[in-house]
C-alpha cells in the first residue's frame, strides 16, 4: 500500500470527507486544512508528496496559494492538483501557468480523482529519477547525488548554484533556455539568482570548466544551451 503523504486544501466538509476517505482507503496518509493561510504552513511542515488544492477558498484563494507554493524553494517541487468548479476555465489556465501540475473539475468521481493523482505522482517519480541520474556528456561526468563534476580524472569545484546551472543545461543538450527559465530552475536560498546574475554565473562556470568551457554556449538574444 502507498505511503505517499497528501495535503488536502478544501473548505467544504463533504468534499474533505470524500477525498480523505478515498485516499485513506488506498493507503495514502492525509492531512486536511480549510484555508489558504493554513495551506502553505502545512506544506512546509508536512512536506507532502502532492497537494490537492481547491481554488475557491476563504481569505487567500487557491491561485495565490499555488503562486506561493511554486515560488518557494521549500515547496516548488511538490506537485499541485487543482480542484475547481465548472466555469472557472480562466482560473485553470492561470493555475497551470503558475506551475500547477493538473486539475479536476467538481463534481468529480473518486475514481477519476485517484487516477489523476496517481498520474501526477508517477510523473514526479520519473522526474526525481532523472534528477538523481549521473549524466555523462563527453568527458564531463555530472553526478547530482554527490554534487560533483568530474573531467577526465580530475574534479571541478563548483558552487551549489553553478552546479545547478550546469546540471540543468546538461540534462537537455542542444536545447536553448532563456535566462528566466534558468532562474526558475536553479534559484535557491544560497544565492539570489536573477536574470542579470545568470550571466555572472556563466562567466564563473566557464572559467572553472577550463578546457571544457565551450560546452556551455551563449545563444545571442535568447539565453544559453549545453552543446550537443
C-alpha atoms as a PDB file:
ATOM      1  CA  UNK A   1       0.000   0.000   0.000  1.00  0.00           C
ATOM      2  CA  UNK A   2       1.091   3.541  -0.736  1.00  0.00           C
ATOM      3  CA  UNK A   3       2.678   5.629   1.974  1.00  0.00           C
ATOM      4  CA  UNK A   4       2.518   8.872  -0.005  1.00  0.00           C
ATOM      5  CA  UNK A   5       1.534  11.905   2.057  1.00  0.00           C
ATOM      6  CA  UNK A   6      -1.184  14.070   0.545  1.00  0.00           C
ATOM      7  CA  UNK A   7      -2.208  17.529   1.746  1.00  0.00           C
ATOM      8  CA  UNK A   8      -5.880  18.311   1.062  1.00  0.00           C
ATOM      9  CA  UNK A   9      -6.736  22.019   0.950  1.00  0.00           C
ATOM     10  CA  UNK A  10     -10.534  22.263   0.871  1.00  0.00           C
ATOM     11  CA  UNK A  11     -13.091  24.232   2.895  1.00  0.00           C
ATOM     12  CA  UNK A  12     -16.207  22.179   2.131  1.00  0.00           C
ATOM     13  CA  UNK A  13     -16.735  19.488   4.752  1.00  0.00           C
ATOM     14  CA  UNK A  14     -18.436  16.969   2.449  1.00  0.00           C
ATOM     15  CA  UNK A  15     -15.619  17.123  -0.088  1.00  0.00           C
ATOM     16  CA  UNK A  16     -12.995  16.955   2.664  1.00  0.00           C
ATOM     17  CA  UNK A  17     -14.548  13.712   3.925  1.00  0.00           C
ATOM     18  CA  UNK A  18     -14.998  12.236   0.447  1.00  0.00           C
ATOM     19  CA  UNK A  19     -11.416  12.898  -0.631  1.00  0.00           C
ATOM     20  CA  UNK A  20      -9.793  11.936   2.680  1.00  0.00           C
ATOM     21  CA  UNK A  21     -11.811   8.706   2.872  1.00  0.00           C
ATOM     22  CA  UNK A  22     -10.909   7.559  -0.651  1.00  0.00           C
ATOM     23  CA  UNK A  23      -7.235   8.443  -0.239  1.00  0.00           C
ATOM     24  CA  UNK A  24      -7.068   6.712   3.132  1.00  0.00           C
ATOM     25  CA  UNK A  25      -8.676   3.592   1.695  1.00  0.00           C
ATOM     26  CA  UNK A  26      -5.917   3.471  -0.941  1.00  0.00           C
ATOM     27  CA  UNK A  27      -3.207   3.733   1.714  1.00  0.00           C
ATOM     28  CA  UNK A  28      -2.353   7.423   1.467  1.00  0.00           C
ATOM     29  CA  UNK A  29      -1.547   9.459   4.559  1.00  0.00           C
ATOM     30  CA  UNK A  30      -3.654  12.607   4.511  1.00  0.00           C
ATOM     31  CA  UNK A  31      -3.920  15.939   6.243  1.00  0.00           C
ATOM     32  CA  UNK A  32      -6.806  18.352   5.691  1.00  0.00           C
ATOM     33  CA  UNK A  33      -6.719  22.138   6.040  1.00  0.00           C
ATOM     34  CA  UNK A  34      -9.527  24.563   5.235  1.00  0.00           C
ATOM     35  CA  UNK A  35      -7.863  27.866   4.384  1.00  0.00           C
ATOM     36  CA  UNK A  36      -5.146  29.216   2.157  1.00  0.00           C
ATOM     37  CA  UNK A  37      -3.309  30.616   5.166  1.00  0.00           C
ATOM     38  CA  UNK A  38      -3.028  27.125   6.660  1.00  0.00           C
ATOM     39  CA  UNK A  39      -2.053  25.517   3.366  1.00  0.00           C
ATOM     40  CA  UNK A  40       1.415  26.999   2.946  1.00  0.00           C
ATOM     41  CA  UNK A  41       2.393  26.392   6.578  1.00  0.00           C
ATOM     42  CA  UNK A  42       1.135  22.802   6.367  1.00  0.00           C
ATOM     43  CA  UNK A  43       3.041  22.214   3.115  1.00  0.00           C
ATOM     44  CA  UNK A  44       6.318  23.404   4.665  1.00  0.00           C
ATOM     45  CA  UNK A  45       5.855  21.366   7.853  1.00  0.00           C
ATOM     46  CA  UNK A  46       4.355  18.212   6.348  1.00  0.00           C
ATOM     47  CA  UNK A  47       6.425  18.067   3.135  1.00  0.00           C
ATOM     48  CA  UNK A  48       3.658  16.171   1.282  1.00  0.00           C
ATOM     49  CA  UNK A  49       4.212  14.180  -1.890  1.00  0.00           C
ATOM     50  CA  UNK A  50       1.327  16.055  -3.545  1.00  0.00           C
ATOM     51  CA  UNK A  51      -1.241  18.731  -2.749  1.00  0.00           C
ATOM     52  CA  UNK A  52      -4.932  18.673  -3.706  1.00  0.00           C
ATOM     53  CA  UNK A  53      -5.834  22.359  -3.827  1.00  0.00           C
ATOM     54  CA  UNK A  54      -9.298  23.858  -4.038  1.00  0.00           C
ATOM     55  CA  UNK A  55      -9.265  27.200  -5.868  1.00  0.00           C
ATOM     56  CA  UNK A  56     -12.305  28.701  -4.117  1.00  0.00           C
ATOM     57  CA  UNK A  57     -11.012  29.192  -0.580  1.00  0.00           C
ATOM     58  CA  UNK A  58     -11.948  31.798   2.030  1.00  0.00           C
ATOM     59  CA  UNK A  59      -9.373  34.542   2.501  1.00  0.00           C
ATOM     60  CA  UNK A  60      -6.281  33.669   0.465  1.00  0.00           C
ATOM     61  CA  UNK A  61      -7.589  31.870  -2.627  1.00  0.00           C
ATOM     62  CA  UNK A  62      -6.148  28.784  -4.278  1.00  0.00           C
ATOM     63  CA  UNK A  63      -4.350  30.667  -7.037  1.00  0.00           C
ATOM     64  CA  UNK A  64      -2.422  32.733  -4.517  1.00  0.00           C
ATOM     65  CA  UNK A  65      -1.608  29.558  -2.562  1.00  0.00           C
ATOM     66  CA  UNK A  66      -0.306  27.977  -5.784  1.00  0.00           C
ATOM     67  CA  UNK A  67       1.759  31.085  -6.523  1.00  0.00           C
ATOM     68  CA  UNK A  68       3.367  30.941  -3.065  1.00  0.00           C
ATOM     69  CA  UNK A  69       3.998  27.202  -3.252  1.00  0.00           C
ATOM     70  CA  UNK A  70       5.681  27.371  -6.661  1.00  0.00           C
ATOM     71  CA  UNK A  71       7.611  30.484  -5.690  1.00  0.00           C
ATOM     72  CA  UNK A  72       9.276  28.937  -2.652  1.00  0.00           C
ATOM     73  CA  UNK A  73      12.364  26.732  -2.755  1.00  0.00           C
ATOM     74  CA  UNK A  74      10.905  24.631   0.064  1.00  0.00           C
ATOM     75  CA  UNK A  75       7.690  23.733  -1.773  1.00  0.00           C
ATOM     76  CA  UNK A  76       8.151  24.375  -5.510  1.00  0.00           C
ATOM     77  CA  UNK A  77       8.883  20.685  -6.190  1.00  0.00           C
ATOM     78  CA  UNK A  78       5.572  19.472  -4.683  1.00  0.00           C
ATOM     79  CA  UNK A  79       3.000  18.551  -7.373  1.00  0.00           C
ATOM     80  CA  UNK A  80      -0.247  20.532  -7.138  1.00  0.00           C
ATOM     81  CA  UNK A  81      -3.540  19.137  -8.444  1.00  0.00           C
ATOM     82  CA  UNK A  82      -6.189  21.872  -8.526  1.00  0.00           C
ATOM     83  CA  UNK A  83      -9.813  21.113  -7.665  1.00  0.00           C
ATOM     84  CA  UNK A  84     -12.077  23.575  -9.460  1.00  0.00           C
ATOM     85  CA  UNK A  85     -15.751  24.300 -10.066  1.00  0.00           C
ATOM     86  CA  UNK A  86     -17.092  24.266 -13.620  1.00  0.00           C
ATOM     87  CA  UNK A  87     -16.893  27.620 -15.359  1.00  0.00           C
ATOM     88  CA  UNK A  88     -13.509  28.532 -13.882  1.00  0.00           C
ATOM     89  CA  UNK A  89     -11.577  27.983 -17.108  1.00  0.00           C
ATOM     90  CA  UNK A  90      -9.677  31.246 -16.803  1.00  0.00           C
ATOM     91  CA  UNK A  91      -8.577  30.288 -13.286  1.00  0.00           C
ATOM     92  CA  UNK A  92      -7.481  26.869 -14.537  1.00  0.00           C
ATOM     93  CA  UNK A  93      -5.293  28.477 -17.190  1.00  0.00           C
ATOM     94  CA  UNK A  94      -3.766  30.861 -14.631  1.00  0.00           C
ATOM     95  CA  UNK A  95      -3.158  27.971 -12.232  1.00  0.00           C
ATOM     96  CA  UNK A  96      -1.391  25.901 -14.862  1.00  0.00           C
ATOM     97  CA  UNK A  97       0.735  28.895 -15.833  1.00  0.00           C
ATOM     98  CA  UNK A  98       1.673  29.320 -12.170  1.00  0.00           C
ATOM     99  CA  UNK A  99       3.017  25.774 -12.155  1.00  0.00           C
ATOM    100  CA  UNK A 100       0.081  23.577 -11.098  1.00  0.00           C
ATOM    101  CA  UNK A 101       0.518  20.057 -12.450  1.00  0.00           C
ATOM    102  CA  UNK A 102      -3.085  19.136 -13.261  1.00  0.00           C
ATOM    103  CA  UNK A 103      -6.693  19.952 -12.420  1.00  0.00           C
ATOM    104  CA  UNK A 104     -10.001  18.208 -11.881  1.00  0.00           C
ATOM    105  CA  UNK A 105     -13.424  19.836 -12.058  1.00  0.00           C
ATOM    106  CA  UNK A 106     -16.178  19.429  -9.478  1.00  0.00           C
ATOM    107  CA  UNK A 107     -18.249  17.390  -9.106  1.00  0.00           C
ATOM    108  CA  UNK A 108     -15.749  14.612  -9.731  1.00  0.00           C
ATOM    109  CA  UNK A 109     -15.713  10.858  -9.411  1.00  0.00           C
ATOM    110  CA  UNK A 110     -13.391   9.467  -6.707  1.00  0.00           C
ATOM    111  CA  UNK A 111     -12.021   7.049  -9.323  1.00  0.00           C
ATOM    112  CA  UNK A 112     -11.107   9.908 -11.658  1.00  0.00           C
ATOM    113  CA  UNK A 113      -9.512  11.820  -8.788  1.00  0.00           C
ATOM    114  CA  UNK A 114      -7.408   8.813  -7.800  1.00  0.00           C
ATOM    115  CA  UNK A 115      -6.332   8.225 -11.400  1.00  0.00           C
ATOM    116  CA  UNK A 116      -5.277  11.873 -11.819  1.00  0.00           C
ATOM    117  CA  UNK A 117      -3.401  11.845  -8.513  1.00  0.00           C
ATOM    118  CA  UNK A 118      -1.553   8.639  -9.352  1.00  0.00           C
ATOM    119  CA  UNK A 119      -0.566  10.066 -12.743  1.00  0.00           C
ATOM    120  CA  UNK A 120       0.840  13.190 -11.066  1.00  0.00           C
ATOM    121  CA  UNK A 121       2.812  11.088  -8.573  1.00  0.00           C
ATOM    122  CA  UNK A 122       4.195   8.885 -11.367  1.00  0.00           C
ATOM    123  CA  UNK A 123       5.416  11.963 -13.236  1.00  0.00           C
ATOM    124  CA  UNK A 124       7.044  13.241 -10.059  1.00  0.00           C
ATOM    125  CA  UNK A 125       8.801   9.889  -9.528  1.00  0.00           C
ATOM    126  CA  UNK A 126      10.143   9.928 -13.116  1.00  0.00           C
ATOM    127  CA  UNK A 127      11.418  13.483 -12.685  1.00  0.00           C
ATOM    128  CA  UNK A 128      13.141  12.591  -9.405  1.00  0.00           C
ATOM    129  CA  UNK A 129      14.847   9.662 -11.120  1.00  0.00           C
ATOM    130  CA  UNK A 130      16.135  11.989 -13.837  1.00  0.00           C
ATOM    131  CA  UNK A 131      17.278  14.495 -11.234  1.00  0.00           C
ATOM    132  CA  UNK A 132      19.472  11.912  -9.461  1.00  0.00           C
ATOM    133  CA  UNK A 133      20.841  10.123 -12.537  1.00  0.00           C
ATOM    134  CA  UNK A 134      24.528  10.613 -13.360  1.00  0.00           C
ATOM    135  CA  UNK A 135      24.962  12.484 -16.656  1.00  0.00           C
ATOM    136  CA  UNK A 136      27.888  11.722 -18.932  1.00  0.00           C
ATOM    137  CA  UNK A 137      28.481  14.407 -21.547  1.00  0.00           C
ATOM    138  CA  UNK A 138      31.682  13.799 -23.475  1.00  0.00           C
ATOM    139  CA  UNK A 139      34.474  13.849 -20.899  1.00  0.00           C
ATOM    140  CA  UNK A 140      32.279  15.504 -18.262  1.00  0.00           C
ATOM    141  CA  UNK A 141      30.594  13.368 -15.634  1.00  0.00           C
ATOM    142  CA  UNK A 142      27.894  15.221 -13.675  1.00  0.00           C
ATOM    143  CA  UNK A 143      26.751  13.445 -10.516  1.00  0.00           C
ATOM    144  CA  UNK A 144      23.788  15.188  -8.784  1.00  0.00           C
ATOM    145  CA  UNK A 145      23.859  12.719  -5.900  1.00  0.00           C
ATOM    146  CA  UNK A 146      27.403  13.738  -4.995  1.00  0.00           C
ATOM    147  CA  UNK A 147      27.027  17.291  -6.350  1.00  0.00           C
ATOM    148  CA  UNK A 148      30.219  16.557  -8.231  1.00  0.00           C
ATOM    149  CA  UNK A 149      31.549  17.287 -11.717  1.00  0.00           C
ATOM    150  CA  UNK A 150      34.464  15.226 -12.985  1.00  0.00           C
ATOM    151  CA  UNK A 151      36.513  15.865 -16.122  1.00  0.00           C
ATOM    152  CA  UNK A 152      38.859  13.064 -17.037  1.00  0.00           C
ATOM    153  CA  UNK A 153      40.451  12.035 -13.738  1.00  0.00           C
ATOM    154  CA  UNK A 154      40.033  15.447 -12.108  1.00  0.00           C
ATOM    155  CA  UNK A 155      37.190  17.102 -10.215  1.00  0.00           C
ATOM    156  CA  UNK A 156      35.851  20.571 -10.956  1.00  0.00           C
ATOM    157  CA  UNK A 157      34.920  22.524  -7.839  1.00  0.00           C
ATOM    158  CA  UNK A 158      31.639  24.396  -8.406  1.00  0.00           C
ATOM    159  CA  UNK A 159      29.362  26.369  -6.109  1.00  0.00           C
ATOM    160  CA  UNK A 160      25.876  24.937  -5.488  1.00  0.00           C
ATOM    161  CA  UNK A 161      24.319  27.425  -7.913  1.00  0.00           C
ATOM    162  CA  UNK A 162      26.940  26.820 -10.628  1.00  0.00           C
ATOM    163  CA  UNK A 163      26.340  23.095 -10.301  1.00  0.00           C
ATOM    164  CA  UNK A 164      22.560  23.521 -10.631  1.00  0.00           C
ATOM    165  CA  UNK A 165      23.007  25.680 -13.725  1.00  0.00           C
ATOM    166  CA  UNK A 166      25.330  23.156 -15.407  1.00  0.00           C
ATOM    167  CA  UNK A 167      23.138  20.182 -14.470  1.00  0.00           C
ATOM    168  CA  UNK A 168      20.010  21.940 -15.717  1.00  0.00           C
ATOM    169  CA  UNK A 169      21.543  22.709 -19.115  1.00  0.00           C
ATOM    170  CA  UNK A 170      23.258  19.332 -19.477  1.00  0.00           C
ATOM    171  CA  UNK A 171      20.009  17.417 -18.973  1.00  0.00           C
ATOM    172  CA  UNK A 172      18.882  18.582 -22.426  1.00  0.00           C
ATOM    173  CA  UNK A 173      21.867  19.110 -24.730  1.00  0.00           C
ATOM    174  CA  UNK A 174      21.065  21.378 -27.657  1.00  0.00           C
ATOM    175  CA  UNK A 175      18.007  22.929 -26.005  1.00  0.00           C
ATOM    176  CA  UNK A 176      18.115  26.691 -25.641  1.00  0.00           C
ATOM    177  CA  UNK A 177      16.956  28.074 -22.300  1.00  0.00           C
ATOM    178  CA  UNK A 178      16.149  31.692 -21.581  1.00  0.00           C
ATOM    179  CA  UNK A 179      17.672  33.403 -18.575  1.00  0.00           C
ATOM    180  CA  UNK A 180      14.275  33.373 -16.873  1.00  0.00           C
ATOM    181  CA  UNK A 181      13.918  29.610 -17.397  1.00  0.00           C
ATOM    182  CA  UNK A 182      17.336  29.128 -15.830  1.00  0.00           C
ATOM    183  CA  UNK A 183      16.371  31.366 -12.892  1.00  0.00           C
ATOM    184  CA  UNK A 184      13.162  29.390 -12.320  1.00  0.00           C
ATOM    185  CA  UNK A 185      15.050  26.087 -12.423  1.00  0.00           C
ATOM    186  CA  UNK A 186      18.022  26.864 -10.193  1.00  0.00           C
ATOM    187  CA  UNK A 187      17.018  29.620  -7.778  1.00  0.00           C
ATOM    188  CA  UNK A 188      17.945  28.740  -4.219  1.00  0.00           C
ATOM    189  CA  UNK A 189      18.457  30.196  -0.791  1.00  0.00           C
ATOM    190  CA  UNK A 190      22.253  30.089  -1.086  1.00  0.00           C
ATOM    191  CA  UNK A 191      22.301  32.641  -3.901  1.00  0.00           C
ATOM    192  CA  UNK A 192      19.606  35.126  -5.004  1.00  0.00           C
ATOM    193  CA  UNK A 193      19.631  34.201  -8.683  1.00  0.00           C
ATOM    194  CA  UNK A 194      18.218  36.829 -11.063  1.00  0.00           C
ATOM    195  CA  UNK A 195      18.210  37.135 -14.856  1.00  0.00           C
ATOM    196  CA  UNK A 196      21.109  39.588 -14.657  1.00  0.00           C
ATOM    197  CA  UNK A 197      23.124  37.384 -12.311  1.00  0.00           C
ATOM    198  CA  UNK A 198      22.746  34.378 -14.648  1.00  0.00           C
ATOM    199  CA  UNK A 199      25.365  35.975 -16.902  1.00  0.00           C
ATOM    200  CA  UNK A 200      27.705  36.357 -13.913  1.00  0.00           C
ATOM    201  CA  UNK A 201      27.157  32.715 -13.012  1.00  0.00           C
ATOM    202  CA  UNK A 202      28.003  31.677 -16.580  1.00  0.00           C
ATOM    203  CA  UNK A 203      31.270  33.604 -16.557  1.00  0.00           C
ATOM    204  CA  UNK A 204      32.309  31.887 -13.314  1.00  0.00           C
ATOM    205  CA  UNK A 205      31.137  28.477 -14.529  1.00  0.00           C
ATOM    206  CA  UNK A 206      33.042  28.684 -17.813  1.00  0.00           C
ATOM    207  CA  UNK A 207      36.195  29.821 -16.050  1.00  0.00           C
ATOM    208  CA  UNK A 208      36.072  26.791 -13.762  1.00  0.00           C
ATOM    209  CA  UNK A 209      35.300  24.419 -16.637  1.00  0.00           C
ATOM    210  CA  UNK A 210      38.570  25.481 -18.277  1.00  0.00           C
ATOM    211  CA  UNK A 211      39.218  23.330 -21.340  1.00  0.00           C
ATOM    212  CA  UNK A 212      35.546  22.306 -21.318  1.00  0.00           C
ATOM    213  CA  UNK A 213      34.142  25.857 -21.183  1.00  0.00           C
ATOM    214  CA  UNK A 214      32.873  25.734 -24.754  1.00  0.00           C
ATOM    215  CA  UNK A 215      30.299  23.081 -23.789  1.00  0.00           C
ATOM    216  CA  UNK A 216      28.149  25.969 -22.485  1.00  0.00           C
ATOM    217  CA  UNK A 217      27.134  28.163 -25.403  1.00  0.00           C
ATOM    218  CA  UNK A 218      25.605  31.618 -25.446  1.00  0.00           C
ATOM    219  CA  UNK A 219      22.657  31.984 -27.819  1.00  0.00           C
ATOM    220  CA  UNK A 220      22.584  35.696 -28.541  1.00  0.00           C
ATOM    221  CA  UNK A 221      19.309  37.397 -27.724  1.00  0.00           C
ATOM    222  CA  UNK A 222      17.856  34.278 -26.057  1.00  0.00           C
ATOM    223  CA  UNK A 223      19.977  32.607 -23.412  1.00  0.00           C
ATOM    224  CA  UNK A 224      22.204  29.550 -23.088  1.00  0.00           C
ATOM    225  CA  UNK A 225      22.478  25.903 -24.050  1.00  0.00           C
ATOM    226  CA  UNK A 226      24.697  22.880 -23.433  1.00  0.00           C
ATOM    227  CA  UNK A 227      26.407  21.949 -26.706  1.00  0.00           C
ATOM    228  CA  UNK A 228      25.256  18.668 -28.247  1.00  0.00           C
END
